[in-house]
C-alpha atoms as a PDB file:
ATOM      1  CA  MET A   1      -0.033  -0.071   0.075  1.00  0.00           C
ATOM      2  CA  SER A   2       1.358   3.441  -0.938  1.00  0.00           C
ATOM      3  CA  ASN A   3       1.508   6.295   1.588  1.00  0.00           C
ATOM      4  CA  ASN A   4      -1.273   8.011  -0.224  1.00  0.00           C
ATOM      5  CA  GLU A   5      -3.470   4.978   0.081  1.00  0.00           C
ATOM      6  CA  THR A   6      -2.811   4.943   3.858  1.00  0.00           C
ATOM      7  CA  ASN A   7      -3.312   8.703   4.346  1.00  0.00           C
ATOM      8  CA  GLU A   8      -6.709   8.511   2.465  1.00  0.00           C
ATOM      9  CA  VAL A   9      -8.257   6.562   5.598  1.00  0.00           C
ATOM     10  CA  SER A  10      -5.812   7.485   8.532  1.00  0.00           C
ATOM     11  CA  ASN A  11      -6.197  11.223   8.190  1.00  0.00           C
ATOM     12  CA  ILE A  12      -9.878  11.502   8.292  1.00  0.00           C
ATOM     13  CA  ALA A  13      -9.438  12.591  11.938  1.00  0.00           C
ATOM     14  CA  GLU A  14      -6.048  13.506  13.412  1.00  0.00           C
ATOM     15  CA  ILE A  15      -6.647  12.013  16.908  1.00  0.00           C
ATOM     16  CA  ASP A  16      -4.835  13.449  19.933  1.00  0.00           C
ATOM     17  CA  ARG A  17      -4.571  10.026  21.595  1.00  0.00           C
ATOM     18  CA  GLN A  18      -3.442  11.247  25.045  1.00  0.00           C
ATOM     19  CA  ALA A  19      -6.656  13.492  25.090  1.00  0.00           C
ATOM     20  CA  MET A  20      -8.740  10.583  24.099  1.00  0.00           C
ATOM     21  CA  ARG A  21      -7.437   8.227  26.575  1.00  0.00           C
ATOM     22  CA  ALA A  22      -7.801  10.806  29.237  1.00  0.00           C
ATOM     23  CA  ALA A  23     -11.448  11.555  28.243  1.00  0.00           C
ATOM     24  CA  PHE A  24     -12.489   7.874  28.338  1.00  0.00           C
ATOM     25  CA  ASP A  25     -10.787   7.280  31.624  1.00  0.00           C
ATOM     26  CA  LYS A  26     -12.570  10.330  33.204  1.00  0.00           C
ATOM     27  CA  ALA A  27     -15.941   9.115  31.676  1.00  0.00           C
ATOM     28  CA  ALA A  28     -15.773   5.584  32.974  1.00  0.00           C
ATOM     29  CA  THR A  29     -17.923   5.930  35.825  1.00  0.00           C
ATOM     30  CA  SER A  30     -20.629   7.957  34.026  1.00  0.00           C
ATOM     31  CA  TYR A  31     -20.532   6.020  30.740  1.00  0.00           C
ATOM     32  CA  ASP A  32     -23.186   3.379  31.158  1.00  0.00           C
ATOM     33  CA  ALA A  33     -25.914   5.894  32.308  1.00  0.00           C
ATOM     34  CA  ALA A  34     -25.414   7.897  29.074  1.00  0.00           C
ATOM     35  CA  ALA A  35     -24.592   5.211  26.568  1.00  0.00           C
ATOM     36  CA  VAL A  36     -27.953   4.188  25.435  1.00  0.00           C
ATOM     37  CA  LEU A  37     -27.059   4.376  21.725  1.00  0.00           C
ATOM     38  CA  GLN A  38     -23.874   2.604  22.359  1.00  0.00           C
ATOM     39  CA  GLN A  39     -25.630  -0.260  24.146  1.00  0.00           C
ATOM     40  CA  GLU A  40     -28.264  -0.477  21.360  1.00  0.00           C
ATOM     41  CA  VAL A  41     -25.599  -0.709  18.707  1.00  0.00           C
ATOM     42  CA  ALA A  42     -23.792  -3.399  20.657  1.00  0.00           C
ATOM     43  CA  ASN A  43     -26.759  -5.564  20.847  1.00  0.00           C
ATOM     44  CA  ARG A  44     -27.401  -5.220  17.074  1.00  0.00           C
ATOM     45  CA  LEU A  45     -23.783  -6.087  16.310  1.00  0.00           C
ATOM     46  CA  VAL A  46     -23.717  -9.130  18.582  1.00  0.00           C
ATOM     47  CA  ASP A  47     -27.145 -10.266  17.004  1.00  0.00           C
ATOM     48  CA  ARG A  48     -25.182 -10.346  13.602  1.00  0.00           C
ATOM     49  CA  MET A  49     -23.519 -13.491  14.927  1.00  0.00           C
ATOM     50  CA  ASP A  50     -26.767 -15.201  14.259  1.00  0.00           C
ATOM     51  CA  LEU A  51     -25.801 -15.271  10.605  1.00  0.00           C
ATOM     52  CA  MET A  52     -22.491 -16.913  11.415  1.00  0.00           C
ATOM     53  CA  SER A  53     -22.087 -20.661  11.766  1.00  0.00           C
ATOM     54  CA  MET A  54     -19.071 -20.413  13.890  1.00  0.00           C
ATOM     55  CA  LYS A  55     -18.713 -20.942  17.804  1.00  0.00           C
ATOM     56  CA  PRO A  56     -15.523 -19.230  18.604  1.00  0.00           C
ATOM     57  CA  GLY A  57     -13.368 -20.478  21.350  1.00  0.00           C
ATOM     58  CA  SER A  58     -11.107 -17.325  21.627  1.00  0.00           C
ATOM     59  CA  ILE A  59     -12.481 -13.933  21.288  1.00  0.00           C
ATOM     60  CA  LEU A  60     -11.135 -10.425  21.558  1.00  0.00           C
ATOM     61  CA  ASP A  61     -13.471  -7.496  22.433  1.00  0.00           C
ATOM     62  CA  ALA A  62     -11.391  -4.575  20.932  1.00  0.00           C
ATOM     63  CA  GLY A  63     -12.352  -1.364  22.672  1.00  0.00           C
ATOM     64  CA  THR A  64     -14.566  -2.962  25.180  1.00  0.00           C
ATOM     65  CA  GLY A  65     -15.377   0.110  27.206  1.00  0.00           C
ATOM     66  CA  THR A  66     -17.251  -1.042  30.257  1.00  0.00           C
ATOM     67  CA  GLY A  67     -17.677  -4.492  28.869  1.00  0.00           C
ATOM     68  CA  PHE A  68     -21.289  -4.467  27.474  1.00  0.00           C
ATOM     69  CA  ILE A  69     -20.309  -6.526  24.390  1.00  0.00           C
ATOM     70  CA  SER A  70     -18.172  -8.967  26.350  1.00  0.00           C
ATOM     71  CA  GLN A  71     -21.188  -9.702  28.622  1.00  0.00           C
ATOM     72  CA  LEU A  72     -23.282 -10.359  25.599  1.00  0.00           C
ATOM     73  CA  LEU A  73     -20.654 -12.695  24.160  1.00  0.00           C
ATOM     74  CA  ALA A  74     -20.274 -14.581  27.439  1.00  0.00           C
ATOM     75  CA  GLU A  75     -23.918 -15.341  27.432  1.00  0.00           C
ATOM     76  CA  ARG A  76     -23.779 -16.485  23.808  1.00  0.00           C
ATOM     77  CA  TYR A  77     -20.598 -18.343  23.989  1.00  0.00           C
ATOM     78  CA  PRO A  78     -20.181 -19.594  27.676  1.00  0.00           C
ATOM     79  CA  LYS A  79     -17.174 -21.847  26.872  1.00  0.00           C
ATOM     80  CA  ALA A  80     -15.197 -19.135  25.029  1.00  0.00           C
ATOM     81  CA  LYS A  81     -12.230 -17.397  26.408  1.00  0.00           C
ATOM     82  CA  ILE A  82     -12.907 -13.592  26.066  1.00  0.00           C
ATOM     83  CA  THR A  83     -10.171 -10.952  26.189  1.00  0.00           C
ATOM     84  CA  ALA A  84     -11.528  -7.447  26.870  1.00  0.00           C
ATOM     85  CA  LEU A  85      -9.081  -4.741  25.544  1.00  0.00           C
ATOM     86  CA  ASP A  86      -9.254  -1.023  25.933  1.00  0.00           C
ATOM     87  CA  ILE A  87      -6.958   1.971  25.914  1.00  0.00           C
ATOM     88  CA  ALA A  88      -8.461   3.425  28.950  1.00  0.00           C
ATOM     89  CA  PHE A  89      -7.668   1.568  32.185  1.00  0.00           C
ATOM     90  CA  ASN A  90     -10.551   2.888  34.032  1.00  0.00           C
ATOM     91  CA  MET A  91     -13.031   1.494  31.479  1.00  0.00           C
ATOM     92  CA  LEU A  92     -11.424  -1.813  31.931  1.00  0.00           C
ATOM     93  CA  LYS A  93     -11.746  -1.579  35.754  1.00  0.00           C
ATOM     94  CA  GLN A  94     -15.383  -0.645  35.480  1.00  0.00           C
ATOM     95  CA  SER A  95     -15.991  -3.723  33.465  1.00  0.00           C
ATOM     96  CA  LYS A  96     -14.097  -6.035  35.718  1.00  0.00           C
ATOM     97  CA  ASN A  97     -15.842  -4.797  38.829  1.00  0.00           C
ATOM     98  CA  LYS A  98     -19.342  -5.225  37.501  1.00  0.00           C
ATOM     99  CA  ARG A  99     -21.243  -7.640  39.712  1.00  0.00           C
ATOM    100  CA  SER A 100     -22.696  -9.718  36.980  1.00  0.00           C
ATOM    101  CA  PHE A 101     -19.021 -10.333  35.605  1.00  0.00           C
ATOM    102  CA  LYS A 102     -17.657 -11.417  38.992  1.00  0.00           C
ATOM    103  CA  GLN A 103     -20.536 -13.640  39.912  1.00  0.00           C
ATOM    104  CA  ARG A 104     -20.998 -15.668  36.635  1.00  0.00           C
ATOM    105  CA  TRP A 105     -18.026 -15.155  34.320  1.00  0.00           C
ATOM    106  CA  ASN A 106     -15.014 -13.699  35.884  1.00  0.00           C
ATOM    107  CA  LYS A 107     -12.746 -16.854  35.110  1.00  0.00           C
ATOM    108  CA  GLN A 108     -13.784 -16.553  31.437  1.00  0.00           C
ATOM    109  CA  PHE A 109     -12.340 -13.025  31.032  1.00  0.00           C
ATOM    110  CA  HIS A 110      -8.868 -11.530  30.456  1.00  0.00           C
ATOM    111  CA  TYR A 111      -8.372  -7.798  30.603  1.00  0.00           C
ATOM    112  CA  VAL A 112      -5.752  -5.985  28.608  1.00  0.00           C
ATOM    113  CA  ASN A 113      -4.874  -2.272  28.686  1.00  0.00           C
ATOM    114  CA  ALA A 114      -3.490  -1.668  25.239  1.00  0.00           C
ATOM    115  CA  GLU A 115      -4.292   0.149  21.773  1.00  0.00           C
ATOM    116  CA  VAL A 116      -5.879  -1.553  18.895  1.00  0.00           C
ATOM    117  CA  GLU A 117      -3.186  -0.462  16.652  1.00  0.00           C
ATOM    118  CA  ASN A 118      -0.680  -2.592  18.722  1.00  0.00           C
ATOM    119  CA  LEU A 119      -2.137  -5.848  19.733  1.00  0.00           C
ATOM    120  CA  PRO A 120      -0.116  -7.707  22.282  1.00  0.00           C
ATOM    121  CA  PHE A 121      -1.136 -11.011  21.090  1.00  0.00           C
ATOM    122  CA  ALA A 122       0.496 -13.950  19.188  1.00  0.00           C
ATOM    123  CA  ASP A 123       0.047 -14.468  15.383  1.00  0.00           C
ATOM    124  CA  ALA A 124      -3.193 -16.338  14.488  1.00  0.00           C
ATOM    125  CA  SER A 125      -4.139 -16.788  18.123  1.00  0.00           C
ATOM    126  CA  LEU A 126      -7.779 -15.656  17.978  1.00  0.00           C
ATOM    127  CA  GLU A 127     -10.911 -16.894  16.219  1.00  0.00           C
ATOM    128  CA  LEU A 128     -13.197 -13.843  16.549  1.00  0.00           C
ATOM    129  CA  VAL A 129     -12.235 -10.055  16.877  1.00  0.00           C
ATOM    130  CA  ILE A 130     -15.363  -7.953  17.596  1.00  0.00           C
ATOM    131  CA  SER A 131     -15.318  -4.177  17.997  1.00  0.00           C
ATOM    132  CA  GLY A 132     -18.251  -1.827  18.876  1.00  0.00           C
ATOM    133  CA  LEU A 133     -17.942   1.811  18.050  1.00  0.00           C
ATOM    134  CA  THR A 134     -14.198   1.922  18.445  1.00  0.00           C
ATOM    135  CA  PHE A 135     -12.477   2.241  15.136  1.00  0.00           C
ATOM    136  CA  GLN A 136     -13.639   5.851  14.828  1.00  0.00           C
ATOM    137  CA  TRP A 137     -11.106   6.632  17.541  1.00  0.00           C
ATOM    138  CA  CYS A 138      -8.128   4.997  15.552  1.00  0.00           C
ATOM    139  CA  GLN A 139      -5.822   7.204  13.749  1.00  0.00           C
ATOM    140  CA  ASN A 140      -4.724   4.650  11.158  1.00  0.00           C
ATOM    141  CA  LEU A 141      -7.440   2.046   9.991  1.00  0.00           C
ATOM    142  CA  PRO A 142      -5.047   0.212   7.647  1.00  0.00           C
ATOM    143  CA  LYS A 143      -2.679  -0.528  10.493  1.00  0.00           C
ATOM    144  CA  VAL A 144      -5.606  -1.512  12.778  1.00  0.00           C
ATOM    145  CA  PHE A 145      -6.791  -3.985  10.160  1.00  0.00           C
ATOM    146  CA  LYS A 146      -3.357  -5.396   9.539  1.00  0.00           C
ATOM    147  CA  GLU A 147      -2.920  -6.017  13.248  1.00  0.00           C
ATOM    148  CA  ILE A 148      -6.300  -7.715  13.443  1.00  0.00           C
ATOM    149  CA  ARG A 149      -5.480  -9.932  10.485  1.00  0.00           C
ATOM    150  CA  ARG A 150      -2.181 -10.881  12.146  1.00  0.00           C
ATOM    151  CA  VAL A 151      -3.839 -11.994  15.323  1.00  0.00           C
ATOM    152  CA  LEU A 152      -6.687 -13.883  13.684  1.00  0.00           C
ATOM    153  CA  ALA A 153      -6.326 -17.471  12.725  1.00  0.00           C
ATOM    154  CA  PRO A 154      -7.180 -18.780   9.263  1.00  0.00           C
ATOM    155  CA  GLY A 155     -10.880 -18.820   8.940  1.00  0.00           C
ATOM    156  CA  GLY A 156     -11.067 -16.213  11.717  1.00  0.00           C
ATOM    157  CA  LEU A 157     -13.684 -13.374  11.563  1.00  0.00           C
ATOM    158  CA  LEU A 158     -13.685  -9.566  12.196  1.00  0.00           C
ATOM    159  CA  MET A 159     -17.021  -8.001  13.182  1.00  0.00           C
ATOM    160  CA  PHE A 160     -17.295  -4.450  13.979  1.00  0.00           C
ATOM    161  CA  SER A 161     -19.423  -1.292  13.998  1.00  0.00           C
ATOM    162  CA  THR A 162     -18.033   2.323  13.705  1.00  0.00           C
ATOM    163  CA  PHE A 163     -19.402   5.760  13.141  1.00  0.00           C
ATOM    164  CA  GLY A 164     -19.913   7.188   9.580  1.00  0.00           C
ATOM    165  CA  PRO A 165     -19.387  10.840   8.426  1.00  0.00           C
ATOM    166  CA  ASP A 166     -22.927  11.892   8.975  1.00  0.00           C
ATOM    167  CA  THR A 167     -22.680  11.261  12.752  1.00  0.00           C
ATOM    168  CA  LEU A 168     -23.324  14.296  14.784  1.00  0.00           C
ATOM    169  CA  LYS A 169     -24.006  16.282  11.567  1.00  0.00           C
ATOM    170  CA  GLU A 170     -26.307  18.669  13.292  1.00  0.00           C
ATOM    171  CA  LEU A 171     -23.835  19.596  16.053  1.00  0.00           C
ATOM    172  CA  ARG A 172     -21.098  19.775  13.244  1.00  0.00           C
ATOM    173  CA  GLN A 173     -23.081  22.215  11.137  1.00  0.00           C
ATOM    174  CA  SER A 174     -24.170  24.366  13.945  1.00  0.00           C
ATOM    175  CA  TRP A 175     -20.670  25.034  15.163  1.00  0.00           C
ATOM    176  CA  ALA A 176     -19.678  25.801  11.517  1.00  0.00           C
ATOM    177  CA  GLU A 177     -21.917  28.752  11.810  1.00  0.00           C
ATOM    178  CA  VAL A 178     -19.944  30.002  14.763  1.00  0.00           C
ATOM    179  CA  ASP A 179     -16.306  29.642  13.620  1.00  0.00           C
ATOM    180  CA  ASP A 180     -13.868  27.540  11.340  1.00  0.00           C
ATOM    181  CA  LEU A 181     -12.416  25.461  14.121  1.00  0.00           C
ATOM    182  CA  PRO A 182     -12.974  21.761  14.335  1.00  0.00           C
ATOM    183  CA  HIS A 183     -15.378  21.034  17.129  1.00  0.00           C
ATOM    184  CA  VAL A 184     -16.697  17.571  16.060  1.00  0.00           C
ATOM    185  CA  ASN A 185     -14.618  14.559  15.289  1.00  0.00           C
ATOM    186  CA  MET A 186     -14.534  13.500  11.639  1.00  0.00           C
ATOM    187  CA  PHE A 187     -15.317   9.976  10.640  1.00  0.00           C
ATOM    188  CA  ALA A 188     -14.337   7.604   7.765  1.00  0.00           C
ATOM    189  CA  ASP A 189     -16.827   6.798   4.870  1.00  0.00           C
ATOM    190  CA  MET A 190     -18.154   3.243   4.776  1.00  0.00           C
ATOM    191  CA  HIS A 191     -16.555   2.512   1.364  1.00  0.00           C
ATOM    192  CA  ASP A 192     -13.130   3.736   2.539  1.00  0.00           C
ATOM    193  CA  VAL A 193     -13.375   1.497   5.504  1.00  0.00           C
ATOM    194  CA  GLY A 194     -14.238  -1.508   3.152  1.00  0.00           C
ATOM    195  CA  ASP A 195     -11.422  -0.587   0.857  1.00  0.00           C
ATOM    196  CA  ALA A 196      -9.010  -0.650   3.842  1.00  0.00           C
ATOM    197  CA  LEU A 197     -10.166  -4.108   4.826  1.00  0.00           C
ATOM    198  CA  LEU A 198      -9.411  -5.418   1.354  1.00  0.00           C
ATOM    199  CA  LYS A 199      -6.011  -3.820   1.166  1.00  0.00           C
ATOM    200  CA  SER A 200      -5.140  -5.295   4.546  1.00  0.00           C
ATOM    201  CA  GLY A 201      -5.757  -8.889   3.269  1.00  0.00           C
ATOM    202  CA  PHE A 202      -9.301  -9.659   4.492  1.00  0.00           C
ATOM    203  CA  ALA A 203     -11.551 -11.763   2.300  1.00  0.00           C
ATOM    204  CA  ASP A 204     -15.188 -11.170   1.340  1.00  0.00           C
ATOM    205  CA  PRO A 205     -15.890  -7.866   3.405  1.00  0.00           C
ATOM    206  CA  VAL A 206     -19.487  -6.882   3.613  1.00  0.00           C
ATOM    207  CA  MET A 207     -20.398  -3.412   4.645  1.00  0.00           C
ATOM    208  CA  ASP A 208     -23.774  -1.721   5.335  1.00  0.00           C
ATOM    209  CA  MET A 209     -24.967   1.152   7.442  1.00  0.00           C
ATOM    210  CA  GLU A 210     -28.119   2.601   9.254  1.00  0.00           C
ATOM    211  CA  MET A 211     -28.960   5.962  10.541  1.00  0.00           C
ATOM    212  CA  LEU A 212     -29.989   6.009  14.221  1.00  0.00           C
ATOM    213  CA  THR A 213     -31.336   9.333  15.692  1.00  0.00           C
ATOM    214  CA  VAL A 214     -31.489  10.143  19.316  1.00  0.00           C
ATOM    215  CA  THR A 215     -33.770  13.068  20.402  1.00  0.00           C
ATOM    216  CA  TYR A 216     -33.277  15.366  23.341  1.00  0.00           C
ATOM    217  CA  GLU A 217     -35.467  17.961  25.049  1.00  0.00           C
ATOM    218  CA  ASP A 218     -32.564  20.454  24.968  1.00  0.00           C
ATOM    219  CA  ILE A 219     -29.170  20.938  23.441  1.00  0.00           C
ATOM    220  CA  LYS A 220     -27.394  21.238  26.968  1.00  0.00           C
ATOM    221  CA  THR A 221     -28.452  17.591  27.561  1.00  0.00           C
ATOM    222  CA  VAL A 222     -26.832  16.627  24.351  1.00  0.00           C
ATOM    223  CA  MET A 223     -23.533  18.104  25.444  1.00  0.00           C
ATOM    224  CA  ARG A 224     -23.925  16.688  28.832  1.00  0.00           C
ATOM    225  CA  ASP A 225     -24.324  13.047  27.499  1.00  0.00           C
ATOM    226  CA  LEU A 226     -21.469  13.455  24.886  1.00  0.00           C
ATOM    227  CA  LYS A 227     -19.163  14.464  27.962  1.00  0.00           C
ATOM    228  CA  GLN A 228     -20.523  11.544  30.118  1.00  0.00           C
ATOM    229  CA  ILE A 229     -19.471   8.830  27.466  1.00  0.00           C
ATOM    230  CA  GLY A 230     -16.135  10.607  26.802  1.00  0.00           C
ATOM    231  CA  ALA A 231     -16.968  11.614  23.210  1.00  0.00           C
ATOM    232  CA  HIS A 232     -15.053  14.898  23.379  1.00  0.00           C
ATOM    233  CA  ASN A 233     -13.491  16.675  20.450  1.00  0.00           C
ATOM    234  CA  VAL A 234     -10.017  15.103  20.353  1.00  0.00           C
ATOM    235  CA  MET A 235      -8.813  16.189  16.964  1.00  0.00           C
ATOM    236  CA  GLN A 236      -5.402  17.728  16.940  1.00  0.00           C
ATOM    237  CA  GLY A 237      -6.443  20.977  15.419  1.00  0.00           C
ATOM    238  CA  ARG A 238      -9.038  21.849  17.961  1.00  0.00           C
ATOM    239  CA  SER A 239      -8.777  24.847  20.119  1.00  0.00           C
ATOM    240  CA  HIS A 240      -7.452  24.185  23.586  1.00  0.00           C
ATOM    241  CA  GLN A 241      -9.062  27.270  25.127  1.00  0.00           C
ATOM    242  CA  VAL A 242     -12.236  27.087  27.052  1.00  0.00           C
ATOM    243  CA  THR A 243     -15.273  27.836  24.668  1.00  0.00           C
ATOM    244  CA  GLY A 244     -16.679  31.187  25.552  1.00  0.00           C
ATOM    245  CA  LYS A 245     -20.271  31.592  26.654  1.00  0.00           C
ATOM    246  CA  ASN A 246     -21.037  33.693  23.538  1.00  0.00           C
ATOM    247  CA  LYS A 247     -19.874  31.047  21.140  1.00  0.00           C
ATOM    248  CA  LEU A 248     -21.626  28.419  22.945  1.00  0.00           C
ATOM    249  CA  LYS A 249     -24.787  30.361  22.884  1.00  0.00           C
ATOM    250  CA  LYS A 250     -24.560  30.918  19.175  1.00  0.00           C
ATOM    251  CA  MET A 251     -23.963  27.344  18.507  1.00  0.00           C
ATOM    252  CA  MET A 252     -27.059  26.321  20.453  1.00  0.00           C
ATOM    253  CA  GLN A 253     -29.198  28.943  18.747  1.00  0.00           C
ATOM    254  CA  ALA A 254     -28.086  27.609  15.351  1.00  0.00           C
ATOM    255  CA  TYR A 255     -28.753  24.047  16.482  1.00  0.00           C
ATOM    256  CA  GLU A 256     -32.452  25.085  17.061  1.00  0.00           C
ATOM    257  CA  GLN A 257     -33.182  25.135  13.346  1.00  0.00           C
ATOM    258  CA  TYR A 258     -33.278  21.246  13.529  1.00  0.00           C
ATOM    259  CA  ARG A 259     -35.766  21.111  16.355  1.00  0.00           C
ATOM    260  CA  GLN A 260     -38.948  19.079  15.364  1.00  0.00           C
ATOM    261  CA  ASP A 261     -42.147  18.206  17.503  1.00  0.00           C
ATOM    262  CA  GLY A 262     -40.463  20.045  20.453  1.00  0.00           C
ATOM    263  CA  LEU A 263     -37.250  17.811  20.340  1.00  0.00           C
ATOM    264  CA  VAL A 264     -33.677  18.258  18.992  1.00  0.00           C
ATOM    265  CA  PRO A 265     -32.244  15.325  17.006  1.00  0.00           C
ATOM    266  CA  VAL A 266     -28.709  13.920  17.151  1.00  0.00           C
ATOM    267  CA  SER A 267     -27.987  11.734  14.116  1.00  0.00           C
ATOM    268  CA  HIS A 268     -25.571   8.685  14.237  1.00  0.00           C
ATOM    269  CA  GLU A 269     -24.488   7.020  10.819  1.00  0.00           C
ATOM    270  CA  ILE A 270     -23.738   3.456  12.146  1.00  0.00           C
ATOM    271  CA  VAL A 271     -21.427   1.617   9.772  1.00  0.00           C
ATOM    272  CA  TYR A 272     -21.424  -2.334  10.175  1.00  0.00           C
ATOM    273  CA  GLY A 273     -18.833  -4.600   8.658  1.00  0.00           C
ATOM    274  CA  HIS A 274     -17.414  -8.058   8.748  1.00  0.00           C
ATOM    275  CA  ALA A 275     -14.843  -9.945   6.860  1.00  0.00           C
ATOM    276  CA  TRP A 276     -12.890 -13.124   7.110  1.00  0.00           C
ATOM    277  CA  ILE A 277      -9.271 -14.378   7.370  1.00  0.00           C
ATOM    278  CA  PRO A 278      -8.840 -16.779   4.374  1.00  0.00           C
ATOM    279  CA  GLU A 279      -7.887 -20.342   4.767  1.00  0.00           C
ATOM    280  CA  ALA A 280      -4.220 -20.773   4.117  1.00  0.00           C
ATOM    281  CA  LYS A 281      -4.879 -22.238   0.738  1.00  0.00           C
ATOM    282  CA  GLU A 282      -6.719 -19.119  -0.336  1.00  0.00           C
ATOM    283  CA  SER A 283      -3.913 -16.674   0.802  1.00  0.00           C
ATOM    284  CA  GLY A 284      -2.352 -16.553  -2.705  1.00  0.00           C
ATOM    285  CA  SER A 285      -5.455 -15.202  -4.372  1.00  0.00           C
ATOM    286  CA  LEU A 286      -5.460 -12.163  -1.946  1.00  0.00           C
ATOM    287  CA  ASN A 287      -1.989 -11.030  -3.277  1.00  0.00           C
ATOM    288  CA  GLU A 288      -3.408 -11.165  -6.752  1.00  0.00           C
ATOM    289  CA  GLY A 289      -6.060  -8.729  -5.896  1.00  0.00           C
ATOM    290  CA  SER A 290      -8.858 -11.047  -6.872  1.00  0.00           C
ATOM    291  CA  VAL A 291     -11.262 -10.565  -4.039  1.00  0.00           C
ATOM    292  CA  VAL A 292     -14.520  -8.879  -4.584  1.00  0.00           C
ATOM    293  CA  VAL A 293     -16.295  -6.722  -1.947  1.00  0.00           C
ATOM    294  CA  PRO A 294     -20.101  -6.774  -1.917  1.00  0.00           C
ATOM    295  CA  PHE A 295     -21.152  -3.426  -0.544  1.00  0.00           C
ATOM    296  CA  LYS A 296     -24.681  -3.297   0.693  1.00  0.00           C
ATOM    297  CA  LYS A 297     -26.423  -0.205   1.997  1.00  0.00           C
ATOM    298  CA  ILE A 298     -29.716  -0.413   4.000  1.00  0.00           C
END
């Protein structure tokens, strides 16, 4: 892959990783109460395993947060060994300390504080990697996918959800009426994510998306919930100064144009994807560029 190809996906959002880690560490105790959308997407993502015939024995939950997906996987695959990985140590701590985890499945879990871009696992050591709404926080998706391909065994599966570019579009457009600074993170297009999967050596990637809208009574609650789940603006070009009251007021006034039936909407473009690691006998065909991606949009 050329540098141009890598940058096409990796520079969608120039992430300040230190700021991101700090934001999620700080939000760990308030996350579950505000993460209604994240939990709904997690349920929908895990339900997609109904379409797969596999019963994985070794699973990585990449970007586990407070462990919601890990808990769903433990219920579905009670004999599987599940590794919960997250960049934020406090998120892992919240997951490990949940009563349901301690009482029923604690011996089933391993907890790893690490980045998805640099997985501390042996080659071909996992059967399933699942990731819910994590990849949008990764600076270099091709590197992420290459790492996941490395740790997945032949016949292994990657299944994930991530945010698409229309996520928080109302908030982004409202800030754009105030100044030219980046106030909202940018997210990669579904087709660019699919291309990155192919170029990283995955077979038969399938991508689709859906729009989910959460409504609020006021914009202050929108901002509060984003803060509680750690979804701060962590782009490197953001302003490091405290946003003035006048600017915030102008943004909130601009947001009012989207109010309908007394409620303000917050749009989320949810991108889903899955792809396989080819069996050893098929690996040659990947190098020849002969794999076709069926993109489906719903």
